[in-house]
N, C-alpha and C. Protein backbone atom coordinates (compact mmCIF):
# COMPACT_ATOMS: atom_id res chain seq x y z
N MET A 1 -18.02 -20.37 -13.08
CA MET A 1 -17.83 -18.87 -12.90
C MET A 1 -16.63 -18.38 -12.15
N LYS A 2 -16.58 -19.06 -10.97
CA LYS A 2 -15.53 -18.79 -9.88
C LYS A 2 -14.13 -19.22 -10.53
N LYS A 3 -14.17 -20.24 -11.45
CA LYS A 3 -12.84 -20.47 -12.00
C LYS A 3 -12.33 -19.40 -13.12
N LEU A 4 -13.41 -18.94 -13.50
CA LEU A 4 -13.20 -17.86 -14.74
C LEU A 4 -12.54 -16.70 -14.01
N CYS A 5 -13.29 -16.15 -12.94
CA CYS A 5 -12.75 -15.03 -12.19
C CYS A 5 -11.54 -15.07 -11.63
N THR A 6 -11.20 -16.41 -11.03
CA THR A 6 -9.76 -16.85 -10.40
C THR A 6 -8.73 -16.76 -11.48
N ALA A 7 -8.99 -17.30 -12.73
CA ALA A 7 -8.14 -17.33 -13.78
C ALA A 7 -7.97 -15.82 -14.23
N LEU A 8 -8.80 -14.99 -14.23
CA LEU A 8 -8.70 -13.67 -14.79
C LEU A 8 -7.92 -12.95 -13.77
N LEU A 9 -8.14 -13.02 -12.47
CA LEU A 9 -7.43 -12.47 -11.50
C LEU A 9 -6.04 -12.72 -11.51
N LEU A 10 -5.64 -13.96 -11.64
CA LEU A 10 -4.26 -14.42 -11.56
C LEU A 10 -3.50 -14.12 -12.82
N SER A 11 -4.27 -13.81 -13.90
CA SER A 11 -3.50 -13.37 -15.12
C SER A 11 -3.44 -11.97 -15.08
N LEU A 12 -4.29 -11.23 -14.43
CA LEU A 12 -3.97 -9.70 -14.36
C LEU A 12 -2.91 -9.59 -13.18
N PHE A 13 -2.71 -10.35 -12.22
CA PHE A 13 -1.53 -10.29 -11.26
C PHE A 13 -0.33 -10.62 -11.84
N ALA A 14 -0.23 -11.48 -12.61
CA ALA A 14 1.06 -11.92 -13.41
C ALA A 14 1.37 -10.70 -14.26
N ILE A 15 0.54 -10.16 -15.03
CA ILE A 15 0.76 -9.12 -15.82
C ILE A 15 1.44 -7.95 -15.10
N SER A 16 0.59 -7.55 -14.18
CA SER A 16 1.09 -6.23 -13.38
C SER A 16 2.49 -6.57 -12.74
N PHE A 17 2.69 -7.80 -12.26
CA PHE A 17 3.99 -8.31 -11.48
C PHE A 17 5.13 -8.36 -12.50
N ALA A 18 4.90 -8.70 -13.57
CA ALA A 18 5.81 -8.54 -14.81
C ALA A 18 6.06 -7.31 -15.08
N HIS A 19 5.00 -6.28 -15.23
CA HIS A 19 5.22 -5.00 -15.56
C HIS A 19 6.16 -4.24 -14.40
N ALA A 20 5.92 -4.54 -13.18
CA ALA A 20 6.60 -3.69 -12.00
C ALA A 20 8.01 -4.05 -12.02
N ASN A 21 8.58 -5.18 -12.75
CA ASN A 21 9.92 -5.55 -12.78
C ASN A 21 10.59 -4.81 -13.96
N GLU A 22 9.81 -4.09 -14.74
CA GLU A 22 10.53 -3.33 -16.00
C GLU A 22 10.85 -2.04 -15.63
N THR A 23 11.73 -1.73 -14.63
CA THR A 23 12.35 -0.39 -14.41
C THR A 23 13.85 -0.45 -14.40
N LYS A 24 14.40 0.61 -14.60
CA LYS A 24 15.63 0.89 -14.65
C LYS A 24 16.07 2.02 -13.83
N GLN A 25 17.47 1.88 -13.02
CA GLN A 25 17.81 2.97 -12.07
C GLN A 25 19.07 3.70 -12.82
N ILE A 26 19.06 4.86 -12.63
CA ILE A 26 20.26 5.77 -13.00
C ILE A 26 20.54 6.77 -11.99
N VAL A 27 22.00 7.03 -11.98
CA VAL A 27 22.50 7.84 -11.05
C VAL A 27 23.06 9.12 -11.74
N LEU A 28 22.50 10.23 -11.34
CA LEU A 28 23.05 11.51 -12.09
C LEU A 28 23.67 12.59 -11.23
N LYS A 29 24.95 13.02 -11.62
CA LYS A 29 25.63 14.10 -10.76
C LYS A 29 25.18 15.64 -11.17
N VAL A 30 24.77 16.18 -10.09
CA VAL A 30 24.11 17.66 -10.51
C VAL A 30 25.19 18.42 -9.70
N LYS A 31 26.10 19.17 -10.18
CA LYS A 31 27.14 19.96 -9.75
C LYS A 31 26.51 21.01 -8.83
N GLU A 32 25.63 21.72 -9.44
CA GLU A 32 24.91 22.79 -8.72
C GLU A 32 24.05 22.65 -7.45
N MET A 33 23.69 21.46 -7.35
CA MET A 33 22.89 20.87 -6.14
C MET A 33 23.56 21.08 -4.81
N ASN A 34 23.56 22.02 -4.13
CA ASN A 34 24.32 22.20 -2.83
C ASN A 34 23.41 22.64 -1.65
N CYS A 35 22.27 22.56 -1.68
CA CYS A 35 21.41 22.93 -0.59
C CYS A 35 20.00 21.99 -0.61
N GLN A 36 19.31 22.04 0.57
CA GLN A 36 18.04 21.26 0.61
C GLN A 36 17.08 21.73 -0.29
N LEU A 37 17.08 22.99 -0.59
CA LEU A 37 16.01 23.49 -1.44
C LEU A 37 16.34 23.14 -2.86
N CYS A 38 17.75 23.20 -3.37
CA CYS A 38 18.22 22.58 -4.67
C CYS A 38 17.74 21.13 -4.67
N ALA A 39 17.99 20.18 -3.74
CA ALA A 39 17.62 18.89 -3.93
C ALA A 39 16.15 18.71 -4.04
N TYR A 40 15.24 19.54 -3.22
CA TYR A 40 13.87 19.50 -3.48
C TYR A 40 13.26 19.87 -4.81
N LEU A 41 13.91 20.66 -5.26
CA LEU A 41 13.74 21.27 -6.63
C LEU A 41 13.98 20.30 -7.71
N VAL A 42 15.04 19.79 -7.51
CA VAL A 42 15.47 18.62 -8.56
C VAL A 42 14.75 17.30 -8.49
N ASN A 43 14.44 16.85 -7.35
CA ASN A 43 13.37 15.65 -7.12
C ASN A 43 11.97 16.21 -7.65
N LYS A 44 11.59 17.42 -7.37
CA LYS A 44 10.29 17.90 -7.82
C LYS A 44 10.21 17.72 -9.29
N GLU A 45 11.11 18.30 -10.10
CA GLU A 45 11.23 18.34 -11.48
C GLU A 45 11.28 17.13 -12.12
N LEU A 46 12.12 16.20 -11.57
CA LEU A 46 12.31 14.89 -12.14
C LEU A 46 11.00 13.98 -11.84
N ARG A 47 10.32 14.12 -10.82
CA ARG A 47 9.16 13.39 -10.60
C ARG A 47 7.98 13.98 -11.34
N ASN A 48 7.99 15.01 -11.93
CA ASN A 48 7.05 15.46 -12.81
C ASN A 48 6.95 14.77 -14.34
N ILE A 49 8.26 14.02 -14.45
CA ILE A 49 8.16 13.44 -15.77
C ILE A 49 7.51 12.11 -15.84
N ASP A 50 6.68 11.92 -16.61
CA ASP A 50 5.90 10.72 -16.86
C ASP A 50 6.74 9.43 -16.86
N GLY A 51 6.67 8.41 -16.09
CA GLY A 51 7.56 7.36 -16.22
C GLY A 51 8.60 7.29 -15.15
N VAL A 52 8.70 8.34 -14.41
CA VAL A 52 9.78 8.49 -13.27
C VAL A 52 9.00 7.95 -12.02
N ILE A 53 9.38 6.85 -11.47
CA ILE A 53 8.99 6.15 -10.22
C ILE A 53 9.09 6.97 -9.06
N SER A 54 10.47 7.08 -8.63
CA SER A 54 10.83 7.66 -7.57
C SER A 54 12.40 8.27 -7.77
N THR A 55 12.72 9.26 -6.97
CA THR A 55 14.00 10.09 -7.00
C THR A 55 14.62 10.23 -5.72
N LYS A 56 15.86 10.19 -5.45
CA LYS A 56 16.45 10.45 -4.18
C LYS A 56 17.67 11.31 -4.48
N ALA A 57 17.49 12.58 -3.98
CA ALA A 57 18.67 13.53 -4.24
C ALA A 57 19.55 13.70 -2.92
N SER A 58 20.80 13.63 -3.09
CA SER A 58 21.65 13.81 -1.85
C SER A 58 22.68 14.96 -2.21
N ILE A 59 22.48 15.97 -1.18
CA ILE A 59 23.40 17.36 -1.32
C ILE A 59 24.78 17.00 -0.82
N LYS A 60 25.09 15.77 -0.13
CA LYS A 60 26.27 15.57 0.26
C LYS A 60 27.42 15.32 -0.84
N ASN A 61 26.83 14.49 -1.66
CA ASN A 61 27.71 14.34 -2.89
C ASN A 61 27.14 14.62 -4.10
N GLY A 62 25.99 15.50 -4.23
CA GLY A 62 25.51 15.97 -5.63
C GLY A 62 24.94 14.96 -6.45
N LEU A 63 24.60 13.58 -5.76
CA LEU A 63 23.90 12.65 -6.83
C LEU A 63 22.59 12.49 -6.63
N VAL A 64 21.88 12.14 -7.72
CA VAL A 64 20.34 12.08 -7.70
C VAL A 64 20.20 10.45 -8.26
N THR A 65 19.45 9.54 -7.42
CA THR A 65 19.17 8.35 -8.12
C THR A 65 17.64 8.41 -8.45
N VAL A 66 17.68 7.93 -9.75
CA VAL A 66 16.27 7.99 -10.38
C VAL A 66 15.88 6.52 -10.71
N VAL A 67 14.66 6.17 -10.21
CA VAL A 67 13.97 4.91 -10.70
C VAL A 67 13.01 5.11 -11.65
N GLU A 68 13.01 4.52 -12.81
CA GLU A 68 12.16 4.98 -13.87
C GLU A 68 11.63 3.78 -14.80
N ASP A 69 10.67 4.04 -15.53
CA ASP A 69 10.33 3.21 -16.64
C ASP A 69 11.31 3.18 -17.74
N PRO A 70 11.56 2.08 -18.50
CA PRO A 70 12.66 2.21 -19.61
C PRO A 70 12.40 3.06 -20.66
N LYS A 71 10.99 3.57 -20.98
CA LYS A 71 10.66 4.43 -21.81
C LYS A 71 11.18 5.88 -21.61
N VAL A 72 11.60 6.16 -20.42
CA VAL A 72 12.06 7.40 -20.09
C VAL A 72 13.51 7.66 -20.51
N THR A 73 13.90 8.71 -21.27
CA THR A 73 15.42 8.85 -21.83
C THR A 73 16.11 9.74 -20.94
N ASN A 74 17.19 9.52 -21.12
CA ASN A 74 18.32 10.52 -20.36
C ASN A 74 18.14 11.83 -20.69
N GLN A 75 17.60 12.24 -21.88
CA GLN A 75 17.49 13.63 -22.40
C GLN A 75 16.36 14.09 -21.59
N GLN A 76 15.27 13.30 -21.41
CA GLN A 76 14.12 13.93 -20.59
C GLN A 76 14.60 14.31 -19.29
N LEU A 77 15.53 13.47 -18.60
CA LEU A 77 16.09 13.84 -17.21
C LEU A 77 16.76 15.08 -17.42
N PHE A 78 17.76 15.30 -18.24
CA PHE A 78 18.55 16.45 -18.38
C PHE A 78 17.74 17.69 -18.73
N ASP A 79 16.83 17.44 -19.53
CA ASP A 79 15.85 18.80 -19.83
C ASP A 79 15.20 19.24 -18.55
N ALA A 80 14.78 18.35 -17.79
CA ALA A 80 14.04 18.60 -16.43
C ALA A 80 15.02 19.40 -15.64
N ILE A 81 16.31 18.93 -15.47
CA ILE A 81 17.29 19.40 -14.69
C ILE A 81 17.60 20.79 -15.25
N HIS A 82 17.85 20.95 -16.47
CA HIS A 82 18.16 22.39 -17.22
C HIS A 82 17.26 23.41 -16.95
N LYS A 83 15.96 22.94 -16.87
CA LYS A 83 14.91 23.86 -16.47
C LYS A 83 15.21 24.66 -15.12
N LEU A 84 16.02 24.07 -14.10
CA LEU A 84 16.41 24.72 -12.89
C LEU A 84 17.63 25.53 -13.25
N LYS A 85 18.17 25.43 -14.55
CA LYS A 85 19.48 26.07 -14.82
C LYS A 85 20.69 25.35 -14.24
N TYR A 86 20.39 23.99 -13.89
CA TYR A 86 21.30 23.11 -13.43
C TYR A 86 21.95 22.16 -14.71
N THR A 87 23.14 21.57 -14.38
CA THR A 87 23.67 20.62 -15.48
C THR A 87 23.70 19.09 -14.60
N ALA A 88 23.40 18.19 -15.47
CA ALA A 88 23.51 16.95 -15.26
C ALA A 88 24.28 15.94 -15.99
N GLU A 89 25.11 14.90 -15.33
CA GLU A 89 25.67 13.90 -16.23
C GLU A 89 25.62 12.63 -15.57
N VAL A 90 25.46 11.45 -16.42
CA VAL A 90 25.22 10.28 -15.89
C VAL A 90 26.49 9.75 -15.21
N VAL A 91 26.12 9.06 -14.02
CA VAL A 91 27.39 8.56 -13.28
C VAL A 91 27.56 7.07 -13.55
N ASN A 92 26.34 6.55 -13.62
CA ASN A 92 26.37 4.96 -13.78
C ASN A 92 26.07 4.65 -15.23
């Protein structure tokens, strides 16, 4: 029974580890993002998308780095930013 439990736990760990590496990173330029409130709102909208893992917005250069599952599309990101009446374009 211990061997079975150990094997099961190891297989679950391997599956979760493999899934954790299935992310992509995208950088967006948001020209209208020029204050801390803007950055906060952009981060908040993007993080509400199912599959977005993390975001980091910088008002210094107007860039937002998004770490996401591969199932998230660029259009979903654009739509979320468009809700704020901002525009976005992919930098990388």
